[in-house]
N, C-alpha and C. Protein backbone atom coordinates (compact mmCIF):
# COMPACT_ATOMS: atom_id res chain seq x y z
N GLN A 1 -7.70 12.58 -2.33
CA GLN A 1 -7.87 11.13 -2.38
C GLN A 1 -8.16 10.69 -3.81
N GLY A 2 -7.57 9.58 -4.20
CA GLY A 2 -7.79 9.01 -5.53
C GLY A 2 -9.00 8.10 -5.53
N PRO A 3 -9.12 7.26 -6.56
CA PRO A 3 -10.26 6.34 -6.64
C PRO A 3 -10.29 5.36 -5.47
N VAL A 4 -11.47 4.94 -5.12
CA VAL A 4 -11.67 3.94 -4.08
C VAL A 4 -12.28 2.70 -4.73
N CYS A 5 -11.68 1.55 -4.48
CA CYS A 5 -12.23 0.30 -5.02
C CYS A 5 -12.83 -0.50 -3.87
N THR A 6 -14.03 -1.03 -4.09
CA THR A 6 -14.63 -1.93 -3.11
C THR A 6 -15.00 -3.21 -3.86
N ASN A 7 -15.25 -4.28 -3.14
CA ASN A 7 -15.59 -5.57 -3.76
C ASN A 7 -14.49 -6.10 -4.67
N LEU A 8 -13.23 -5.85 -4.32
CA LEU A 8 -12.11 -6.38 -5.10
C LEU A 8 -12.09 -7.91 -5.07
N GLY A 9 -12.33 -8.48 -3.89
CA GLY A 9 -12.35 -9.94 -3.77
C GLY A 9 -10.98 -10.59 -3.89
N LEU A 10 -9.93 -9.90 -3.45
CA LEU A 10 -8.58 -10.49 -3.52
C LEU A 10 -8.41 -11.55 -2.44
N LYS A 11 -8.06 -12.76 -2.87
CA LYS A 11 -7.88 -13.87 -1.94
C LYS A 11 -6.43 -14.35 -2.01
N PRO A 12 -6.00 -15.17 -1.03
CA PRO A 12 -4.64 -15.70 -1.08
C PRO A 12 -4.36 -16.33 -2.44
N GLY A 13 -3.18 -16.05 -2.97
CA GLY A 13 -2.81 -16.55 -4.29
C GLY A 13 -3.06 -15.53 -5.39
N GLN A 14 -3.74 -14.44 -5.06
CA GLN A 14 -4.02 -13.41 -6.06
C GLN A 14 -3.18 -12.18 -5.77
N ARG A 15 -3.07 -11.31 -6.80
CA ARG A 15 -2.28 -10.10 -6.60
C ARG A 15 -2.89 -8.91 -7.31
N LEU A 16 -2.55 -7.75 -6.78
CA LEU A 16 -3.03 -6.48 -7.29
C LEU A 16 -1.81 -5.66 -7.71
N THR A 17 -1.81 -5.19 -8.96
CA THR A 17 -0.71 -4.36 -9.44
C THR A 17 -1.20 -2.94 -9.66
N VAL A 18 -0.50 -1.99 -9.05
CA VAL A 18 -0.87 -0.59 -9.10
C VAL A 18 0.20 0.18 -9.86
N LYS A 19 -0.22 0.96 -10.84
CA LYS A 19 0.74 1.81 -11.57
C LYS A 19 0.26 3.25 -11.51
N GLY A 20 1.22 4.16 -11.38
CA GLY A 20 0.83 5.55 -11.33
C GLY A 20 2.03 6.47 -11.35
N LYS A 21 1.71 7.74 -11.21
CA LYS A 21 2.72 8.79 -11.29
C LYS A 21 2.83 9.50 -9.94
N ILE A 22 4.06 9.76 -9.53
CA ILE A 22 4.32 10.45 -8.28
C ILE A 22 4.48 11.94 -8.57
N ALA A 23 3.86 12.77 -7.77
CA ALA A 23 3.92 14.23 -7.99
C ALA A 23 5.37 14.72 -7.88
N PRO A 24 5.72 15.74 -8.69
CA PRO A 24 7.09 16.27 -8.67
C PRO A 24 7.52 16.83 -7.32
N ASN A 25 6.56 17.32 -6.53
CA ASN A 25 6.89 17.89 -5.21
C ASN A 25 6.34 16.99 -4.10
N ALA A 26 6.32 15.69 -4.35
CA ALA A 26 5.69 14.73 -3.43
C ALA A 26 6.30 14.78 -2.03
N LYS A 27 5.42 14.73 -1.02
CA LYS A 27 5.83 14.58 0.37
C LYS A 27 5.62 13.13 0.80
N SER A 28 4.45 12.57 0.44
CA SER A 28 4.16 11.17 0.75
C SER A 28 2.92 10.73 -0.02
N PHE A 29 2.74 9.43 -0.11
CA PHE A 29 1.48 8.90 -0.63
C PHE A 29 1.13 7.63 0.12
N VAL A 30 -0.12 7.23 -0.03
CA VAL A 30 -0.64 6.10 0.74
C VAL A 30 -1.41 5.17 -0.18
N MET A 31 -1.28 3.87 0.06
CA MET A 31 -2.16 2.88 -0.55
C MET A 31 -2.69 2.03 0.59
N ASN A 32 -4.01 1.89 0.65
CA ASN A 32 -4.65 1.09 1.69
C ASN A 32 -5.30 -0.13 1.07
N LEU A 33 -5.11 -1.27 1.72
CA LEU A 33 -5.70 -2.52 1.26
C LEU A 33 -6.35 -3.17 2.48
N GLY A 34 -7.61 -3.54 2.36
CA GLY A 34 -8.27 -4.13 3.53
C GLY A 34 -9.67 -4.60 3.22
N LYS A 35 -10.48 -4.69 4.28
CA LYS A 35 -11.87 -5.12 4.15
C LYS A 35 -12.74 -3.92 3.75
N ASP A 36 -12.48 -2.77 4.42
CA ASP A 36 -13.17 -1.52 4.10
C ASP A 36 -12.32 -0.39 4.68
N ALA A 37 -12.83 0.81 4.70
CA ALA A 37 -12.02 1.96 5.13
C ALA A 37 -11.67 1.90 6.62
N THR A 38 -12.39 1.10 7.41
CA THR A 38 -12.12 1.03 8.84
C THR A 38 -11.25 -0.16 9.22
N LEU A 39 -11.16 -1.16 8.34
CA LEU A 39 -10.34 -2.34 8.62
C LEU A 39 -9.29 -2.47 7.52
N LEU A 40 -8.10 -1.95 7.79
CA LEU A 40 -7.04 -1.94 6.81
C LEU A 40 -5.99 -3.00 7.16
N GLY A 41 -5.86 -3.98 6.30
CA GLY A 41 -4.85 -5.02 6.52
C GLY A 41 -3.47 -4.50 6.21
N LEU A 42 -3.37 -3.58 5.24
CA LEU A 42 -2.08 -2.99 4.90
C LEU A 42 -2.25 -1.51 4.55
N HIS A 43 -1.60 -0.68 5.33
CA HIS A 43 -1.51 0.76 5.07
C HIS A 43 -0.07 0.96 4.62
N PHE A 44 0.11 1.24 3.31
CA PHE A 44 1.44 1.34 2.69
C PHE A 44 1.71 2.82 2.43
N ASN A 45 2.74 3.37 3.10
CA ASN A 45 2.94 4.82 3.11
C ASN A 45 4.40 5.22 2.83
N PRO A 46 4.78 5.33 1.55
CA PRO A 46 6.11 5.85 1.24
C PRO A 46 6.18 7.35 1.57
N ARG A 47 7.19 7.73 2.35
CA ARG A 47 7.34 9.12 2.79
C ARG A 47 8.64 9.71 2.26
N PHE A 48 8.52 10.70 1.38
CA PHE A 48 9.70 11.43 0.91
C PHE A 48 10.20 12.33 2.02
N ASP A 49 9.26 13.03 2.64
CA ASP A 49 9.58 13.92 3.76
C ASP A 49 8.27 14.24 4.47
N ALA A 50 7.89 13.39 5.41
CA ALA A 50 6.61 13.57 6.11
C ALA A 50 6.69 12.90 7.48
N HIS A 51 6.04 13.47 8.45
CA HIS A 51 5.94 12.91 9.80
C HIS A 51 7.31 12.57 10.39
N GLY A 52 8.34 13.34 10.03
CA GLY A 52 9.66 13.10 10.58
C GLY A 52 10.46 12.02 9.87
N ASP A 53 9.87 11.41 8.84
CA ASP A 53 10.58 10.38 8.08
C ASP A 53 11.02 10.94 6.73
N VAL A 54 12.22 10.54 6.30
CA VAL A 54 12.73 10.93 4.99
C VAL A 54 13.07 9.67 4.21
N ASN A 55 12.52 9.57 2.99
CA ASN A 55 12.77 8.42 2.12
C ASN A 55 12.63 7.08 2.85
N THR A 56 11.48 6.91 3.48
CA THR A 56 11.18 5.71 4.26
C THR A 56 9.79 5.22 3.89
N ILE A 57 9.64 3.90 3.81
CA ILE A 57 8.31 3.32 3.61
C ILE A 57 7.81 2.87 4.98
N VAL A 58 6.65 3.37 5.38
CA VAL A 58 6.05 2.97 6.64
C VAL A 58 4.79 2.16 6.34
N CYS A 59 4.71 0.98 6.95
CA CYS A 59 3.51 0.13 6.79
C CYS A 59 2.86 -0.07 8.14
N ASN A 60 1.54 -0.26 8.10
CA ASN A 60 0.81 -0.48 9.34
C ASN A 60 -0.50 -1.17 9.02
N SER A 61 -1.24 -1.48 10.07
CA SER A 61 -2.59 -2.01 9.92
C SER A 61 -3.48 -1.15 10.81
N LYS A 62 -4.78 -1.16 10.51
CA LYS A 62 -5.70 -0.34 11.28
C LYS A 62 -7.00 -1.11 11.49
N LYS A 63 -7.41 -1.17 12.75
CA LYS A 63 -8.68 -1.82 13.09
C LYS A 63 -9.57 -0.76 13.69
N VAL A 64 -10.56 -0.33 12.95
CA VAL A 64 -11.43 0.79 13.28
C VAL A 64 -10.55 2.02 13.52
N GLU A 65 -10.42 2.53 14.74
CA GLU A 65 -9.57 3.71 14.94
C GLU A 65 -8.22 3.36 15.53
N GLU A 66 -7.94 2.08 15.62
CA GLU A 66 -6.74 1.64 16.32
C GLU A 66 -5.65 1.20 15.35
N TRP A 67 -4.53 1.95 15.34
CA TRP A 67 -3.39 1.59 14.50
C TRP A 67 -2.54 0.56 15.21
N GLY A 68 -1.88 -0.28 14.42
CA GLY A 68 -0.95 -1.26 14.99
C GLY A 68 0.43 -0.64 15.13
N ALA A 69 1.45 -1.49 15.27
CA ALA A 69 2.84 -1.02 15.36
C ALA A 69 3.35 -0.72 13.95
N GLU A 70 4.05 0.39 13.82
CA GLU A 70 4.58 0.75 12.50
C GLU A 70 5.74 -0.16 12.11
N HIS A 71 5.77 -0.50 10.85
CA HIS A 71 6.87 -1.29 10.28
C HIS A 71 7.57 -0.42 9.25
N ARG A 72 8.89 -0.26 9.39
CA ARG A 72 9.63 0.60 8.46
C ARG A 72 10.54 -0.22 7.56
N GLU A 73 10.53 0.13 6.28
CA GLU A 73 11.41 -0.47 5.29
C GLU A 73 12.42 0.60 4.88
N ALA A 74 13.70 0.26 4.91
CA ALA A 74 14.73 1.25 4.59
C ALA A 74 14.90 1.44 3.08
N VAL A 75 14.52 0.42 2.30
CA VAL A 75 14.67 0.55 0.85
C VAL A 75 13.62 1.52 0.32
N PHE A 76 14.03 2.43 -0.54
CA PHE A 76 13.11 3.46 -1.03
C PHE A 76 13.33 3.68 -2.53
N PRO A 77 12.62 2.90 -3.39
CA PRO A 77 12.87 2.95 -4.83
C PRO A 77 12.05 4.01 -5.58
N PHE A 78 11.49 4.97 -4.86
CA PHE A 78 10.61 5.95 -5.50
C PHE A 78 11.33 7.26 -5.77
N GLN A 79 10.92 7.95 -6.83
CA GLN A 79 11.48 9.25 -7.15
C GLN A 79 10.37 10.25 -7.40
N LYS A 80 10.54 11.46 -6.88
CA LYS A 80 9.57 12.52 -7.12
C LYS A 80 9.46 12.74 -8.63
N GLY A 81 8.22 12.87 -9.11
CA GLY A 81 8.00 13.10 -10.53
C GLY A 81 8.14 11.84 -11.37
N GLY A 82 8.46 10.73 -10.73
CA GLY A 82 8.64 9.47 -11.47
C GLY A 82 7.36 8.64 -11.50
N THR A 83 7.48 7.46 -12.06
CA THR A 83 6.35 6.54 -12.07
C THR A 83 6.63 5.44 -11.05
N ALA A 84 5.58 4.79 -10.64
CA ALA A 84 5.72 3.71 -9.66
C ALA A 84 4.87 2.53 -10.09
N GLU A 85 5.41 1.35 -9.91
CA GLU A 85 4.62 0.13 -10.11
C GLU A 85 4.82 -0.73 -8.88
N ILE A 86 3.73 -1.02 -8.20
CA ILE A 86 3.76 -1.77 -6.96
C ILE A 86 2.79 -2.92 -7.07
N THR A 87 3.24 -4.11 -6.71
CA THR A 87 2.35 -5.27 -6.72
C THR A 87 2.18 -5.80 -5.30
N PHE A 88 0.94 -6.02 -4.92
CA PHE A 88 0.61 -6.59 -3.61
C PHE A 88 0.13 -8.02 -3.84
N SER A 89 0.88 -9.01 -3.35
CA SER A 89 0.48 -10.41 -3.46
C SER A 89 -0.12 -10.85 -2.13
N VAL A 90 -1.36 -11.34 -2.17
CA VAL A 90 -2.04 -11.77 -0.96
C VAL A 90 -1.70 -13.24 -0.69
N ASN A 91 -1.17 -13.50 0.50
CA ASN A 91 -0.86 -14.86 0.93
C ASN A 91 -1.76 -15.21 2.12
N GLN A 92 -1.65 -16.43 2.60
CA GLN A 92 -2.50 -16.87 3.70
C GLN A 92 -2.29 -16.01 4.95
N ASN A 93 -1.01 -15.75 5.29
CA ASN A 93 -0.73 -15.07 6.56
C ASN A 93 -0.11 -13.69 6.43
N ASP A 94 0.13 -13.26 5.18
CA ASP A 94 0.75 -11.95 4.99
C ASP A 94 0.49 -11.43 3.58
N VAL A 95 0.99 -10.24 3.34
CA VAL A 95 0.93 -9.64 2.01
C VAL A 95 2.37 -9.36 1.60
N THR A 96 2.74 -9.82 0.39
CA THR A 96 4.07 -9.52 -0.12
C THR A 96 3.97 -8.26 -0.98
N VAL A 97 4.82 -7.29 -0.69
CA VAL A 97 4.85 -6.04 -1.44
C VAL A 97 6.05 -6.10 -2.38
N HIS A 98 5.77 -6.07 -3.70
CA HIS A 98 6.83 -6.12 -4.71
C HIS A 98 7.09 -4.71 -5.22
N LEU A 99 8.32 -4.24 -5.01
CA LEU A 99 8.75 -2.93 -5.46
C LEU A 99 9.85 -3.14 -6.51
N PRO A 100 10.20 -2.11 -7.26
CA PRO A 100 11.31 -2.28 -8.21
C PRO A 100 12.58 -2.71 -7.48
N GLY A 101 13.06 -3.91 -7.77
CA GLY A 101 14.31 -4.40 -7.20
C GLY A 101 14.25 -4.81 -5.74
N HIS A 102 13.08 -4.90 -5.14
CA HIS A 102 12.99 -5.22 -3.72
C HIS A 102 11.60 -5.76 -3.39
N GLN A 103 11.52 -6.64 -2.42
CA GLN A 103 10.21 -7.05 -1.92
C GLN A 103 10.31 -7.33 -0.43
N PHE A 104 9.15 -7.21 0.23
CA PHE A 104 9.08 -7.51 1.66
C PHE A 104 7.67 -7.98 1.97
N THR A 105 7.50 -8.60 3.12
CA THR A 105 6.16 -9.05 3.50
C THR A 105 5.70 -8.29 4.73
N PHE A 106 4.38 -8.17 4.82
CA PHE A 106 3.74 -7.53 5.98
C PHE A 106 2.68 -8.49 6.48
N PRO A 107 2.68 -8.79 7.78
CA PRO A 107 1.74 -9.80 8.30
C PRO A 107 0.27 -9.39 8.16
N ASN A 108 -0.59 -10.37 7.94
CA ASN A 108 -2.03 -10.14 7.89
C ASN A 108 -2.55 -10.13 9.33
N ARG A 109 -2.33 -9.01 10.01
CA ARG A 109 -2.65 -8.91 11.44
C ARG A 109 -4.13 -9.05 11.74
N LEU A 110 -4.98 -8.68 10.79
CA LEU A 110 -6.43 -8.74 11.03
C LEU A 110 -7.03 -10.07 10.58
N ASN A 111 -6.16 -10.97 10.10
CA ASN A 111 -6.60 -12.28 9.60
C ASN A 111 -7.71 -12.16 8.56
N LEU A 112 -7.55 -11.22 7.64
CA LEU A 112 -8.56 -11.06 6.59
C LEU A 112 -8.44 -12.21 5.60
N SER A 113 -9.58 -12.80 5.26
CA SER A 113 -9.55 -13.89 4.27
C SER A 113 -9.71 -13.32 2.86
N VAL A 114 -10.29 -12.13 2.77
CA VAL A 114 -10.48 -11.47 1.47
C VAL A 114 -10.15 -9.99 1.65
N PHE A 115 -9.43 -9.44 0.68
CA PHE A 115 -9.18 -7.99 0.66
C PHE A 115 -10.11 -7.39 -0.39
N ASP A 116 -11.11 -6.64 0.08
CA ASP A 116 -12.13 -6.08 -0.82
C ASP A 116 -11.90 -4.61 -1.14
N TYR A 117 -11.10 -3.95 -0.31
CA TYR A 117 -11.02 -2.49 -0.36
C TYR A 117 -9.62 -2.03 -0.77
N PHE A 118 -9.57 -1.02 -1.63
CA PHE A 118 -8.29 -0.41 -2.00
C PHE A 118 -8.51 1.08 -2.24
N ASP A 119 -7.58 1.91 -1.72
CA ASP A 119 -7.63 3.32 -2.09
C ASP A 119 -6.22 3.89 -2.15
N THR A 120 -6.10 5.04 -2.79
CA THR A 120 -4.83 5.75 -2.80
C THR A 120 -5.10 7.17 -2.32
N GLN A 121 -4.09 7.75 -1.64
CA GLN A 121 -4.19 9.12 -1.14
C GLN A 121 -2.83 9.78 -1.28
N GLY A 122 -2.84 11.08 -1.26
CA GLY A 122 -1.58 11.81 -1.26
C GLY A 122 -1.06 12.11 -2.65
N ASP A 123 0.27 12.22 -2.75
CA ASP A 123 0.92 12.74 -3.95
C ASP A 123 1.15 11.67 -5.01
N PHE A 124 0.08 11.00 -5.38
CA PHE A 124 0.16 9.88 -6.33
C PHE A 124 -1.06 9.92 -7.23
N THR A 125 -0.85 9.81 -8.53
CA THR A 125 -1.97 9.75 -9.47
C THR A 125 -2.06 8.35 -10.05
N LEU A 126 -3.15 7.67 -9.77
CA LEU A 126 -3.35 6.30 -10.23
C LEU A 126 -3.53 6.28 -11.75
N GLN A 127 -2.76 5.43 -12.42
CA GLN A 127 -2.91 5.29 -13.88
C GLN A 127 -3.57 3.97 -14.25
N SER A 128 -3.22 2.90 -13.54
CA SER A 128 -3.90 1.63 -13.82
C SER A 128 -3.86 0.71 -12.62
N LEU A 129 -4.87 -0.14 -12.57
CA LEU A 129 -5.00 -1.17 -11.54
C LEU A 129 -5.29 -2.48 -12.26
N SER A 130 -4.58 -3.51 -11.92
CA SER A 130 -4.93 -4.81 -12.49
C SER A 130 -4.78 -5.87 -11.42
N TRP A 131 -5.58 -6.89 -11.51
CA TRP A 131 -5.44 -7.98 -10.53
C TRP A 131 -5.62 -9.31 -11.23
N GLU A 132 -4.97 -10.32 -10.65
CA GLU A 132 -5.07 -11.66 -11.22
C GLU A 132 -5.08 -12.68 -10.09
């Protein structure tokens, strides 16, 4: 697990930009955005080859121990051993995920008014975090 951020205070209209390096033998990595570790508004999980998925981004939400329905994105702009820059824009009813050459939205299923929590896990090394 990489660094854990708490008290981010991300509100609608604000965004978080994550930059880092993907491991050369990466299977998958995760970025979680939410209220805390038990209430995740967005579980962002690019999978190179994990859980039966190949080159697929799987997103979900989690309320305590309860996962929601998985959302799959077919676009996969990540490369093993490469760098990644991902921006999460918080809106009133969803989060827009900006990837190189592609973006999509994921609904704010938990109706979070503030996103305070962020962490990364898996085959990803965080290099910088910025928010505005």
